[in-house]
Protein backbone atom coordinates (compact mmCIF):
# COMPACT_ATOMS: atom_id res chain seq x y z
CA MET A 1 11.68 -13.08 -2.15
CA ASP A 2 8.99 -14.86 -0.15
CA GLY A 3 5.67 -13.02 -0.56
CA ALA A 4 5.11 -9.43 -1.51
CA LEU A 5 7.56 -6.69 -0.61
CA ILE A 6 4.72 -4.24 0.12
CA VAL A 7 1.53 -5.31 1.88
CA VAL A 8 -1.61 -3.18 2.02
CA HIS A 9 -3.61 -4.79 4.82
CA ARG A 10 -7.39 -5.08 5.08
CA PRO A 11 -9.39 -1.90 5.69
CA ARG A 12 -9.69 -0.96 9.36
CA GLY A 13 -13.06 -0.44 11.03
CA SER A 14 -12.43 3.30 11.07
CA GLY A 15 -11.20 3.33 7.45
CA GLY A 16 -7.71 3.33 6.02
CA ARG A 17 -5.33 0.45 5.47
CA ARG A 18 -2.09 -0.30 7.29
CA VAL A 19 0.87 -0.49 4.91
CA THR A 20 3.99 -2.54 5.58
CA VAL A 21 7.24 -2.75 3.63
CA ARG A 22 9.35 -5.82 4.35
CA GLY A 23 7.28 -6.41 7.47
CA GLN A 24 7.73 -2.88 8.86
CA ILE A 25 4.70 -0.63 9.32
CA ILE A 26 5.16 2.55 7.31
CA GLY A 27 1.74 4.15 7.73
CA LEU A 28 -2.03 4.10 7.46
CA ALA A 29 -3.16 4.89 3.92
CA HIS A 30 -6.57 6.42 3.22
CA SER A 31 -5.99 6.70 -0.54
CA ASP A 32 -3.66 5.66 -3.35
CA ARG A 33 -2.05 9.09 -2.97
CA ASP A 34 -1.13 8.22 0.64
CA LEU A 35 0.27 4.89 -0.52
CA VAL A 36 2.41 6.59 -3.18
CA GLU A 37 3.73 9.03 -0.57
CA PHE A 38 4.63 6.20 1.85
CA LEU A 39 6.49 4.38 -0.93
CA ARG A 40 8.28 7.58 -1.88
CA GLN A 41 9.33 8.08 1.74
CA SER A 42 10.60 4.49 1.73
CA GLY A 43 13.02 5.30 -1.06
CA LEU A 44 11.18 5.00 -4.36
CA ASP A 45 11.06 8.02 -6.61
CA GLU A 46 7.55 9.42 -7.05
CA THR A 47 7.14 8.29 -10.68
CA SER A 48 8.12 4.71 -9.82
CA ALA A 49 5.80 4.70 -6.81
CA GLU A 50 2.89 6.05 -8.88
CA ASP A 51 3.52 3.48 -11.62
CA MET A 52 3.74 0.67 -9.08
CA VAL A 53 0.42 1.59 -7.42
CA ALA A 54 -1.45 2.36 -10.66
CA GLY A 55 -0.11 -0.72 -12.43
CA ASN A 56 -1.05 -3.17 -9.69
CA SER A 57 2.56 -4.30 -9.31
CA ALA A 58 3.27 -7.86 -8.21
CA LEU A 59 5.38 -6.29 -5.45
CA ILE A 60 2.19 -5.02 -3.78
CA GLU A 61 -0.15 -7.46 -2.07
CA TRP A 62 -3.64 -6.20 -1.25
CA ARG A 63 -5.01 -8.22 1.67
CA GLY A 64 -8.57 -8.49 2.90
CA GLY A 65 -10.28 -6.21 0.45
CA ARG A 66 -10.30 -4.95 -3.10
CA ALA A 67 -7.26 -3.10 -4.34
CA HIS A 68 -7.52 0.69 -4.19
CA HIS A 69 -10.44 0.67 -1.70
CA TYR A 70 -9.72 2.20 1.70
CA GLU A 71 -13.16 2.54 3.27
CA ALA A 72 -14.20 0.43 6.24
CA ALA A 73 -15.95 -2.78 5.25
């Protein structure tokens, strides 16, 4: 796999971060809870999604800001 499977893009000016899975936009997350829900809707079970987000999985790339921060810069 080239790059991360899941990308959490830089915070937007109005807050929130765009989330893509395999290059497809799946939503605008305003919290880790939103991110878990998007991953669950993409096919992961909730426990796996929670573990992936909480454990800073190598499958998630946080771009343009600190991980787990969703506020506008």
